[in-house]
Amino acid sequence: MSRENVVKREDLAQKMVAKFNMTKKEALEVLNFLVDEITTALKEGKQVKLVGLGTFKVRMRKEREVVNQKTGERMKVPAMRVPKFTAAKTLKEAVRG
């Protein structure tokens, strides 16, 4: 994927500056706060639902066996908690066109 197809935190902050008449520093603080709060909630085992966007939650990934592509060695990856995002219906429909 090319770099011009990636929207970064700074890009979102710049859009917030234009829309809400705030400084870029304030916009970045808001975005950082949002990411921190979602991360904290997930660490606590909570779900985060943002209507129109989707749901962030934590799921358990089972222990599995993988193969090291370089050496051919089989290794076990332990079970672990991983974040999962499920897109909201409105987001899915908007992306589909």
PDB file of N, CA and C in Angstrom:
ATOM      1  N   MET A   1       0.850  -1.178   0.000  1.00  0.00           N
ATOM      2  CA  MET A   1       0.000   0.000   0.000  1.00  0.00           C
ATOM      3  C   MET A   1       0.895   1.239   0.000  1.00  0.00           C
ATOM      4  N   SER A   2       0.584   2.167  -0.862  1.00  0.00           N
ATOM      5  CA  SER A   2       1.412   3.367  -0.952  1.00  0.00           C
ATOM      6  C   SER A   2       1.115   4.325   0.195  1.00  0.00           C
ATOM      7  N   ARG A   3       2.068   5.179   0.471  1.00  0.00           N
ATOM      8  CA  ARG A   3       1.945   6.091   1.611  1.00  0.00           C
ATOM      9  C   ARG A   3       0.793   7.082   1.461  1.00  0.00           C
ATOM     10  N   GLU A   4       0.446   7.442   0.236  1.00  0.00           N
ATOM     11  CA  GLU A   4      -0.648   8.409   0.081  1.00  0.00           C
ATOM     12  C   GLU A   4      -2.009   7.778   0.360  1.00  0.00           C
ATOM     13  N   ASN A   5      -2.057   6.459   0.507  1.00  0.00           N
ATOM     14  CA  ASN A   5      -3.308   5.780   0.834  1.00  0.00           C
ATOM     15  C   ASN A   5      -3.447   5.500   2.328  1.00  0.00           C
ATOM     16  N   VAL A   6      -2.563   6.069   3.128  1.00  0.00           N
ATOM     17  CA  VAL A   6      -2.590   5.842   4.573  1.00  0.00           C
ATOM     18  C   VAL A   6      -2.946   7.146   5.276  1.00  0.00           C
ATOM     19  N   VAL A   7      -3.968   7.100   6.115  1.00  0.00           N
ATOM     20  CA  VAL A   7      -4.340   8.263   6.919  1.00  0.00           C
ATOM     21  C   VAL A   7      -3.707   8.074   8.290  1.00  0.00           C
ATOM     22  N   LYS A   8      -2.860   8.989   8.672  1.00  0.00           N
ATOM     23  CA  LYS A   8      -2.148   8.903   9.943  1.00  0.00           C
ATOM     24  C   LYS A   8      -2.817   9.788  10.991  1.00  0.00           C
ATOM     25  N   ARG A   9      -2.372   9.617  12.214  1.00  0.00           N
ATOM     26  CA  ARG A   9      -2.902  10.393  13.335  1.00  0.00           C
ATOM     27  C   ARG A   9      -2.773  11.897  13.059  1.00  0.00           C
ATOM     28  N   GLU A  10      -1.640  12.313  12.504  1.00  0.00           N
ATOM     29  CA  GLU A  10      -1.426  13.733  12.214  1.00  0.00           C
ATOM     30  C   GLU A  10      -2.414  14.242  11.161  1.00  0.00           C
ATOM     31  N   ASP A  11      -2.763  13.377  10.199  1.00  0.00           N
ATOM     32  CA  ASP A  11      -3.751  13.756   9.179  1.00  0.00           C
ATOM     33  C   ASP A  11      -5.121  13.974   9.817  1.00  0.00           C
ATOM     34  N   LEU A  12      -5.495  13.081  10.708  1.00  0.00           N
ATOM     35  CA  LEU A  12      -6.778  13.248  11.410  1.00  0.00           C
ATOM     36  C   LEU A  12      -6.760  14.513  12.263  1.00  0.00           C
ATOM     37  N   ALA A  13      -5.633  14.760  12.917  1.00  0.00           N
ATOM     38  CA  ALA A  13      -5.509  15.963  13.739  1.00  0.00           C
ATOM     39  C   ALA A  13      -5.681  17.215  12.889  1.00  0.00           C
ATOM     40  N   GLN A  14      -5.091  17.217  11.709  1.00  0.00           N
ATOM     41  CA  GLN A  14      -5.198  18.391  10.826  1.00  0.00           C
ATOM     42  C   GLN A  14      -6.649  18.630  10.410  1.00  0.00           C
ATOM     43  N   LYS A  15      -7.394  17.554  10.168  1.00  0.00           N
ATOM     44  CA  LYS A  15      -8.821  17.697   9.819  1.00  0.00           C
ATOM     45  C   LYS A  15      -9.611  18.240  11.009  1.00  0.00           C
ATOM     46  N   MET A  16      -9.242  17.801  12.218  1.00  0.00           N
ATOM     47  CA  MET A  16      -9.905  18.308  13.422  1.00  0.00           C
ATOM     48  C   MET A  16      -9.613  19.794  13.609  1.00  0.00           C
ATOM     49  N   VAL A  17      -8.391  20.207  13.304  1.00  0.00           N
ATOM     50  CA  VAL A  17      -8.015  21.623  13.405  1.00  0.00           C
ATOM     51  C   VAL A  17      -8.935  22.459  12.524  1.00  0.00           C
ATOM     52  N   ALA A  18      -9.124  22.017  11.279  1.00  0.00           N
ATOM     53  CA  ALA A  18      -9.949  22.767  10.330  1.00  0.00           C
ATOM     54  C   ALA A  18     -11.430  22.755  10.729  1.00  0.00           C
ATOM     55  N   LYS A  19     -11.919  21.636  11.209  1.00  0.00           N
ATOM     56  CA  LYS A  19     -13.345  21.500  11.508  1.00  0.00           C
ATOM     57  C   LYS A  19     -13.744  22.151  12.833  1.00  0.00           C
ATOM     58  N   PHE A  20     -12.900  22.013  13.865  1.00  0.00           N
ATOM     59  CA  PHE A  20     -13.296  22.428  15.201  1.00  0.00           C
ATOM     60  C   PHE A  20     -12.556  23.650  15.729  1.00  0.00           C
ATOM     61  N   ASN A  21     -11.762  24.287  14.893  1.00  0.00           N
ATOM     62  CA  ASN A  21     -11.059  25.508  15.292  1.00  0.00           C
ATOM     63  C   ASN A  21     -10.238  25.286  16.567  1.00  0.00           C
ATOM     64  N   MET A  22      -9.410  24.263  16.534  1.00  0.00           N
ATOM     65  CA  MET A  22      -8.536  23.961  17.664  1.00  0.00           C
ATOM     66  C   MET A  22      -7.100  23.920  17.159  1.00  0.00           C
ATOM     67  N   THR A  23      -6.162  23.888  18.075  1.00  0.00           N
ATOM     68  CA  THR A  23      -4.764  23.800  17.658  1.00  0.00           C
ATOM     69  C   THR A  23      -4.447  22.346  17.325  1.00  0.00           C
ATOM     70  N   LYS A  24      -3.372  22.154  16.570  1.00  0.00           N
ATOM     71  CA  LYS A  24      -2.952  20.796  16.230  1.00  0.00           C
ATOM     72  C   LYS A  24      -2.555  20.045  17.495  1.00  0.00           C
ATOM     73  N   LYS A  25      -1.936  20.742  18.437  1.00  0.00           N
ATOM     74  CA  LYS A  25      -1.547  20.114  19.697  1.00  0.00           C
ATOM     75  C   LYS A  25      -2.773  19.599  20.442  1.00  0.00           C
ATOM     76  N   GLU A  26      -3.844  20.408  20.496  1.00  0.00           N
ATOM     77  CA  GLU A  26      -5.077  19.987  21.156  1.00  0.00           C
ATOM     78  C   GLU A  26      -5.701  18.780  20.446  1.00  0.00           C
ATOM     79  N   ALA A  27      -5.698  18.819  19.124  1.00  0.00           N
ATOM     80  CA  ALA A  27      -6.273  17.717  18.346  1.00  0.00           C
ATOM     81  C   ALA A  27      -5.504  16.422  18.601  1.00  0.00           C
ATOM     82  N   LEU A  28      -4.185  16.504  18.628  1.00  0.00           N
ATOM     83  CA  LEU A  28      -3.372  15.315  18.907  1.00  0.00           C
ATOM     84  C   LEU A  28      -3.611  14.805  20.331  1.00  0.00           C
ATOM     85  N   GLU A  29      -3.803  15.707  21.276  1.00  0.00           N
ATOM     86  CA  GLU A  29      -4.102  15.309  22.651  1.00  0.00           C
ATOM     87  C   GLU A  29      -5.425  14.543  22.711  1.00  0.00           C
ATOM     88  N   VAL A  30      -6.424  15.004  21.975  1.00  0.00           N
ATOM     89  CA  VAL A  30      -7.723  14.330  21.948  1.00  0.00           C
ATOM     90  C   VAL A  30      -7.573  12.935  21.336  1.00  0.00           C
ATOM     91  N   LEU A  31      -6.875  12.839  20.227  1.00  0.00           N
ATOM     92  CA  LEU A  31      -6.678  11.536  19.587  1.00  0.00           C
ATOM     93  C   LEU A  31      -5.886  10.587  20.482  1.00  0.00           C
ATOM     94  N   ASN A  32      -4.836  11.099  21.114  1.00  0.00           N
ATOM     95  CA  ASN A  32      -4.041  10.273  22.021  1.00  0.00           C
ATOM     96  C   ASN A  32      -4.879   9.800  23.208  1.00  0.00           C
ATOM     97  N   PHE A  33      -5.720  10.697  23.724  1.00  0.00           N
ATOM     98  CA  PHE A  33      -6.616  10.343  24.823  1.00  0.00           C
ATOM     99  C   PHE A  33      -7.556   9.214  24.398  1.00  0.00           C
ATOM    100  N   LEU A  34      -8.128   9.334  23.217  1.00  0.00           N
ATOM    101  CA  LEU A  34      -9.059   8.322  22.713  1.00  0.00           C
ATOM    102  C   LEU A  34      -8.365   6.961  22.599  1.00  0.00           C
ATOM    103  N   VAL A  35      -7.181   6.935  22.021  1.00  0.00           N
ATOM    104  CA  VAL A  35      -6.434   5.684  21.885  1.00  0.00           C
ATOM    105  C   VAL A  35      -6.092   5.103  23.257  1.00  0.00           C
ATOM    106  N   ASP A  36      -5.661   5.957  24.178  1.00  0.00           N
ATOM    107  CA  ASP A  36      -5.324   5.500  25.528  1.00  0.00           C
ATOM    108  C   ASP A  36      -6.538   4.912  26.249  1.00  0.00           C
ATOM    109  N   GLU A  37      -7.687   5.553  26.124  1.00  0.00           N
ATOM    110  CA  GLU A  37      -8.895   5.077  26.793  1.00  0.00           C
ATOM    111  C   GLU A  37      -9.370   3.747  26.209  1.00  0.00           C
ATOM    112  N   ILE A  38      -9.306   3.601  24.898  1.00  0.00           N
ATOM    113  CA  ILE A  38      -9.682   2.333  24.272  1.00  0.00           C
ATOM    114  C   ILE A  38      -8.727   1.234  24.733  1.00  0.00           C
ATOM    115  N   THR A  39      -7.433   1.528  24.752  1.00  0.00           N
ATOM    116  CA  THR A  39      -6.427   0.557  25.185  1.00  0.00           C
ATOM    117  C   THR A  39      -6.657   0.139  26.635  1.00  0.00           C
ATOM    118  N   THR A  40      -6.910   1.103  27.504  1.00  0.00           N
ATOM    119  CA  THR A  40      -7.147   0.809  28.921  1.00  0.00           C
ATOM    120  C   THR A  40      -8.383  -0.070  29.090  1.00  0.00           C
ATOM    121  N   ALA A  41      -9.451   0.255  28.392  1.00  0.00           N
ATOM    122  CA  ALA A  41     -10.680  -0.539  28.495  1.00  0.00           C
ATOM    123  C   ALA A  41     -10.430  -1.977  28.030  1.00  0.00           C
ATOM    124  N   LEU A  42      -9.711  -2.154  26.947  1.00  0.00           N
ATOM    125  CA  LEU A  42      -9.421  -3.497  26.445  1.00  0.00           C
ATOM    126  C   LEU A  42      -8.548  -4.276  27.425  1.00  0.00           C
ATOM    127  N   LYS A  43      -7.569  -3.601  28.032  1.00  0.00           N
ATOM    128  CA  LYS A  43      -6.720  -4.259  29.041  1.00  0.00           C
ATOM    129  C   LYS A  43      -7.553  -4.759  30.209  1.00  0.00           C
ATOM    130  N   GLU A  44      -8.621  -4.039  30.536  1.00  0.00           N
ATOM    131  CA  GLU A  44      -9.508  -4.402  31.645  1.00  0.00           C
ATOM    132  C   GLU A  44     -10.549  -5.442  31.229  1.00  0.00           C
ATOM    133  N   GLY A  45     -10.492  -5.875  29.970  1.00  0.00           N
ATOM    134  CA  GLY A  45     -11.431  -6.881  29.488  1.00  0.00           C
ATOM    135  C   GLY A  45     -12.763  -6.325  29.037  1.00  0.00           C
ATOM    136  N   LYS A  46     -12.864  -5.019  28.904  1.00  0.00           N
ATOM    137  CA  LYS A  46     -14.113  -4.383  28.481  1.00  0.00           C
ATOM    138  C   LYS A  46     -14.175  -4.290  26.962  1.00  0.00           C
ATOM    139  N   GLN A  47     -15.378  -4.105  26.445  1.00  0.00           N
ATOM    140  CA  GLN A  47     -15.592  -3.817  25.032  1.00  0.00           C
ATOM    141  C   GLN A  47     -15.760  -2.313  24.873  1.00  0.00           C
ATOM    142  N   VAL A  48     -15.397  -1.805  23.716  1.00  0.00           N
ATOM    143  CA  VAL A  48     -15.620  -0.392  23.399  1.00  0.00           C
ATOM    144  C   VAL A  48     -16.461  -0.348  22.130  1.00  0.00           C
ATOM    145  N   LYS A  49     -17.679   0.190  22.254  1.00  0.00           N
ATOM    146  CA  LYS A  49     -18.583   0.293  21.108  1.00  0.00           C
ATOM    147  C   LYS A  49     -18.693   1.751  20.694  1.00  0.00           C
ATOM    148  N   LEU A  50     -18.375   2.018  19.455  1.00  0.00           N
ATOM    149  CA  LEU A  50     -18.520   3.349  18.884  1.00  0.00           C
ATOM    150  C   LEU A  50     -19.556   3.239  17.767  1.00  0.00           C
ATOM    151  N   VAL A  51     -20.744   3.738  18.029  1.00  0.00           N
ATOM    152  CA  VAL A  51     -21.844   3.625  17.075  1.00  0.00           C
ATOM    153  C   VAL A  51     -21.418   4.241  15.748  1.00  0.00           C
ATOM    154  N   GLY A  52     -21.655   3.507  14.684  1.00  0.00           N
ATOM    155  CA  GLY A  52     -21.299   3.976  13.354  1.00  0.00           C
ATOM    156  C   GLY A  52     -19.890   3.571  12.945  1.00  0.00           C
ATOM    157  N   LEU A  53     -19.059   3.190  13.896  1.00  0.00           N
ATOM    158  CA  LEU A  53     -17.689   2.764  13.590  1.00  0.00           C
ATOM    159  C   LEU A  53     -17.539   1.270  13.824  1.00  0.00           C
ATOM    160  N   GLY A  54     -17.758   0.825  15.063  1.00  0.00           N
ATOM    161  CA  GLY A  54     -17.652  -0.599  15.340  1.00  0.00           C
ATOM    162  C   GLY A  54     -17.341  -0.871  16.793  1.00  0.00           C
ATOM    163  N   THR A  55     -16.952  -2.126  17.049  1.00  0.00           N
ATOM    164  CA  THR A  55     -16.688  -2.590  18.408  1.00  0.00           C
ATOM    165  C   THR A  55     -15.269  -3.126  18.523  1.00  0.00           C
ATOM    166  N   PHE A  56     -14.568  -2.642  19.533  1.00  0.00           N
ATOM    167  CA  PHE A  56     -13.258  -3.160  19.881  1.00  0.00           C
ATOM    168  C   PHE A  56     -13.458  -4.117  21.040  1.00  0.00           C
ATOM    169  N   LYS A  57     -12.860  -5.302  20.972  1.00  0.00           N
ATOM    170  CA  LYS A  57     -12.946  -6.236  22.078  1.00  0.00           C
ATOM    171  C   LYS A  57     -11.684  -7.088  22.113  1.00  0.00           C
ATOM    172  N   VAL A  58     -11.572  -7.884  23.167  1.00  0.00           N
ATOM    173  CA  VAL A  58     -10.432  -8.771  23.339  1.00  0.00           C
ATOM    174  C   VAL A  58     -10.923 -10.197  23.188  1.00  0.00           C
ATOM    175  N   ARG A  59     -10.169 -11.006  22.476  1.00  0.00           N
ATOM    176  CA  ARG A  59     -10.509 -12.423  22.366  1.00  0.00           C
ATOM    177  C   ARG A  59      -9.273 -13.247  22.674  1.00  0.00           C
ATOM    178  N   MET A  60      -9.488 -14.493  23.029  1.00  0.00           N
ATOM    179  CA  MET A  60      -8.385 -15.408  23.293  1.00  0.00           C
ATOM    180  C   MET A  60      -8.031 -16.144  22.007  1.00  0.00           C
ATOM    181  N   ARG A  61      -6.776 -16.101  21.662  1.00  0.00           N
ATOM    182  CA  ARG A  61      -6.279 -16.883  20.530  1.00  0.00           C
ATOM    183  C   ARG A  61      -5.736 -18.182  21.113  1.00  0.00           C
ATOM    184  N   LYS A  62      -6.136 -19.300  20.550  1.00  0.00           N
ATOM    185  CA  LYS A  62      -5.702 -20.606  21.043  1.00  0.00           C
ATOM    186  C   LYS A  62      -4.211 -20.806  20.796  1.00  0.00           C
ATOM    187  N   GLU A  63      -3.624 -21.699  21.600  1.00  0.00           N
ATOM    188  CA  GLU A  63      -2.245 -22.096  21.343  1.00  0.00           C
ATOM    189  C   GLU A  63      -2.199 -22.753  19.969  1.00  0.00           C
ATOM    190  N   ARG A  64      -1.132 -22.510  19.222  1.00  0.00           N
ATOM    191  CA  ARG A  64      -1.028 -23.097  17.896  1.00  0.00           C
ATOM    192  C   ARG A  64       0.421 -23.413  17.562  1.00  0.00           C
ATOM    193  N   GLU A  65       0.577 -24.243  16.572  1.00  0.00           N
ATOM    194  CA  GLU A  65       1.906 -24.623  16.129  1.00  0.00           C
ATOM    195  C   GLU A  65       2.187 -23.902  14.816  1.00  0.00           C
ATOM    196  N   VAL A  66       3.372 -23.331  14.718  1.00  0.00           N
ATOM    197  CA  VAL A  66       3.779 -22.631  13.499  1.00  0.00           C
ATOM    198  C   VAL A  66       5.107 -23.197  13.036  1.00  0.00           C
ATOM    199  N   VAL A  67       5.456 -22.897  11.775  1.00  0.00           N
ATOM    200  CA  VAL A  67       6.717 -23.345  11.215  1.00  0.00           C
ATOM    201  C   VAL A  67       7.558 -22.134  10.881  1.00  0.00           C
ATOM    202  N   ASN A  68       8.793 -22.106  11.380  1.00  0.00           N
ATOM    203  CA  ASN A  68       9.739 -21.045  11.038  1.00  0.00           C
ATOM    204  C   ASN A  68      10.108 -21.230   9.575  1.00  0.00           C
ATOM    205  N   GLN A  69       9.801 -20.257   8.750  1.00  0.00           N
ATOM    206  CA  GLN A  69      10.024 -20.377   7.311  1.00  0.00           C
ATOM    207  C   GLN A  69      11.507 -20.506   6.942  1.00  0.00           C
ATOM    208  N   LYS A  70      12.371 -19.902   7.728  1.00  0.00           N
ATOM    209  CA  LYS A  70      13.809 -19.952   7.427  1.00  0.00           C
ATOM    210  C   LYS A  70      14.442 -21.290   7.795  1.00  0.00           C
ATOM    211  N   THR A  71      14.046 -21.841   8.954  1.00  0.00           N
ATOM    212  CA  THR A  71      14.705 -23.055   9.447  1.00  0.00           C
ATOM    213  C   THR A  71      13.852 -24.311   9.292  1.00  0.00           C
ATOM    214  N   GLY A  72      12.560 -24.143   9.083  1.00  0.00           N
ATOM    215  CA  GLY A  72      11.664 -25.288   9.002  1.00  0.00           C
ATOM    216  C   GLY A  72      11.300 -25.845  10.375  1.00  0.00           C
ATOM    217  N   GLU A  73      11.797 -25.213  11.432  1.00  0.00           N
ATOM    218  CA  GLU A  73      11.560 -25.671  12.795  1.00  0.00           C
ATOM    219  C   GLU A  73      10.102 -25.412  13.195  1.00  0.00           C
ATOM    220  N   ARG A  74       9.505 -26.399  13.843  1.00  0.00           N
ATOM    221  CA  ARG A  74       8.143 -26.243  14.367  1.00  0.00           C
ATOM    222  C   ARG A  74       8.231 -25.648  15.762  1.00  0.00           C
ATOM    223  N   MET A  75       7.358 -24.656  16.017  1.00  0.00           N
ATOM    224  CA  MET A  75       7.355 -23.988  17.319  1.00  0.00           C
ATOM    225  C   MET A  75       5.914 -23.838  17.773  1.00  0.00           C
ATOM    226  N   LYS A  76       5.714 -23.798  19.082  1.00  0.00           N
ATOM    227  CA  LYS A  76       4.377 -23.554  19.636  1.00  0.00           C
ATOM    228  C   LYS A  76       4.279 -22.090  20.039  1.00  0.00           C
ATOM    229  N   VAL A  77       3.192 -21.480  19.617  1.00  0.00           N
ATOM    230  CA  VAL A  77       2.883 -20.117  20.035  1.00  0.00           C
ATOM    231  C   VAL A  77       1.821 -20.251  21.121  1.00  0.00           C
ATOM    232  N   PRO A  78       2.095 -19.713  22.299  1.00  0.00           N
ATOM    233  CA  PRO A  78       1.141 -19.893  23.404  1.00  0.00           C
ATOM    234  C   PRO A  78      -0.173 -19.150  23.163  1.00  0.00           C
ATOM    235  N   ALA A  79      -1.201 -19.590  23.875  1.00  0.00           N
ATOM    236  CA  ALA A  79      -2.481 -18.887  23.839  1.00  0.00           C
ATOM    237  C   ALA A  79      -2.260 -17.472  24.364  1.00  0.00           C
ATOM    238  N   MET A  80      -2.974 -16.524  23.798  1.00  0.00           N
ATOM    239  CA  MET A  80      -2.820 -15.139  24.239  1.00  0.00           C
ATOM    240  C   MET A  80      -4.068 -14.329  23.934  1.00  0.00           C
ATOM    241  N   ARG A  81      -4.194 -13.229  24.652  1.00  0.00           N
ATOM    242  CA  ARG A  81      -5.285 -12.276  24.415  1.00  0.00           C
ATOM    243  C   ARG A  81      -4.871 -11.361  23.271  1.00  0.00           C
ATOM    244  N   VAL A  82      -5.793 -11.139  22.331  1.00  0.00           N
ATOM    245  CA  VAL A  82      -5.512 -10.268  21.197  1.00  0.00           C
ATOM    246  C   VAL A  82      -6.695  -9.321  20.978  1.00  0.00           C
ATOM    247  N   PRO A  83      -6.422  -8.091  20.518  1.00  0.00           N
ATOM    248  CA  PRO A  83      -7.526  -7.173  20.229  1.00  0.00           C
ATOM    249  C   PRO A  83      -8.229  -7.577  18.937  1.00  0.00           C
ATOM    250  N   LYS A  84      -9.520  -7.295  18.890  1.00  0.00           N
ATOM    251  CA  LYS A  84     -10.317  -7.579  17.700  1.00  0.00           C
ATOM    252  C   LYS A  84     -11.237  -6.400  17.444  1.00  0.00           C
ATOM    253  N   PHE A  85     -11.385  -6.045  16.179  1.00  0.00           N
ATOM    254  CA  PHE A  85     -12.293  -4.965  15.800  1.00  0.00           C
ATOM    255  C   PHE A  85     -13.338  -5.531  14.862  1.00  0.00           C
ATOM    256  N   THR A  86     -14.600  -5.249  15.161  1.00  0.00           N
ATOM    257  CA  THR A  86     -15.703  -5.639  14.298  1.00  0.00           C
ATOM    258  C   THR A  86     -16.373  -4.362  13.805  1.00  0.00           C
ATOM    259  N   ALA A  87     -16.385  -4.180  12.505  1.00  0.00           N
ATOM    260  CA  ALA A  87     -16.961  -2.968  11.917  1.00  0.00           C
ATOM    261  C   ALA A  87     -18.475  -2.940  12.083  1.00  0.00           C
ATOM    262  N   ALA A  88     -19.005  -1.746  12.306  1.00  0.00           N
ATOM    263  CA  ALA A  88     -20.452  -1.553  12.409  1.00  0.00           C
ATOM    264  C   ALA A  88     -21.089  -1.707  11.031  1.00  0.00           C
ATOM    265  N   LYS A  89     -22.351  -2.035  11.021  1.00  0.00           N
ATOM    266  CA  LYS A  89     -23.092  -2.227   9.767  1.00  0.00           C
ATOM    267  C   LYS A  89     -23.013  -0.982   8.881  1.00  0.00           C
ATOM    268  N   THR A  90     -23.151   0.197   9.499  1.00  0.00           N
ATOM    269  CA  THR A  90     -23.116   1.432   8.705  1.00  0.00           C
ATOM    270  C   THR A  90     -21.743   1.649   8.064  1.00  0.00           C
ATOM    271  N   LEU A  91     -20.679   1.287   8.772  1.00  0.00           N
ATOM    272  CA  LEU A  91     -19.331   1.417   8.207  1.00  0.00           C
ATOM    273  C   LEU A  91     -19.149   0.443   7.059  1.00  0.00           C
ATOM    274  N   LYS A  92     -19.587  -0.789   7.245  1.00  0.00           N
ATOM    275  CA  LYS A  92     -19.484  -1.799   6.175  1.00  0.00           C
ATOM    276  C   LYS A  92     -20.216  -1.329   4.925  1.00  0.00           C
ATOM    277  N   GLU A  93     -21.424  -0.821   5.124  1.00  0.00           N
ATOM    278  CA  GLU A  93     -22.225  -0.368   3.977  1.00  0.00           C
ATOM    279  C   GLU A  93     -21.580   0.833   3.291  1.00  0.00           C
ATOM    280  N   ALA A  94     -21.009   1.748   4.069  1.00  0.00           N
ATOM    281  CA  ALA A  94     -20.356   2.925   3.492  1.00  0.00           C
ATOM    282  C   ALA A  94     -19.151   2.546   2.660  1.00  0.00           C
ATOM    283  N   VAL A  95     -18.387   1.564   3.136  1.00  0.00           N
ATOM    284  CA  VAL A  95     -17.190   1.132   2.399  1.00  0.00           C
ATOM    285  C   VAL A  95     -17.550   0.388   1.132  1.00  0.00           C
ATOM    286  N   ARG A  96     -18.606  -0.396   1.199  1.00  0.00           N
ATOM    287  CA  ARG A  96     -19.034  -1.177   0.029  1.00  0.00           C
ATOM    288  C   ARG A  96     -19.524  -0.281  -1.099  1.00  0.00           C
ATOM    289  N   GLY A  97     -20.003   0.906  -0.731  1.00  0.00           N
ATOM    290  CA  GLY A  97     -20.428   1.849  -1.758  1.00  0.00           C
ATOM    291  C   GLY A  97     -21.858   1.832  -1.951  1.00  0.00           C
TER     292      GLY A  97
END
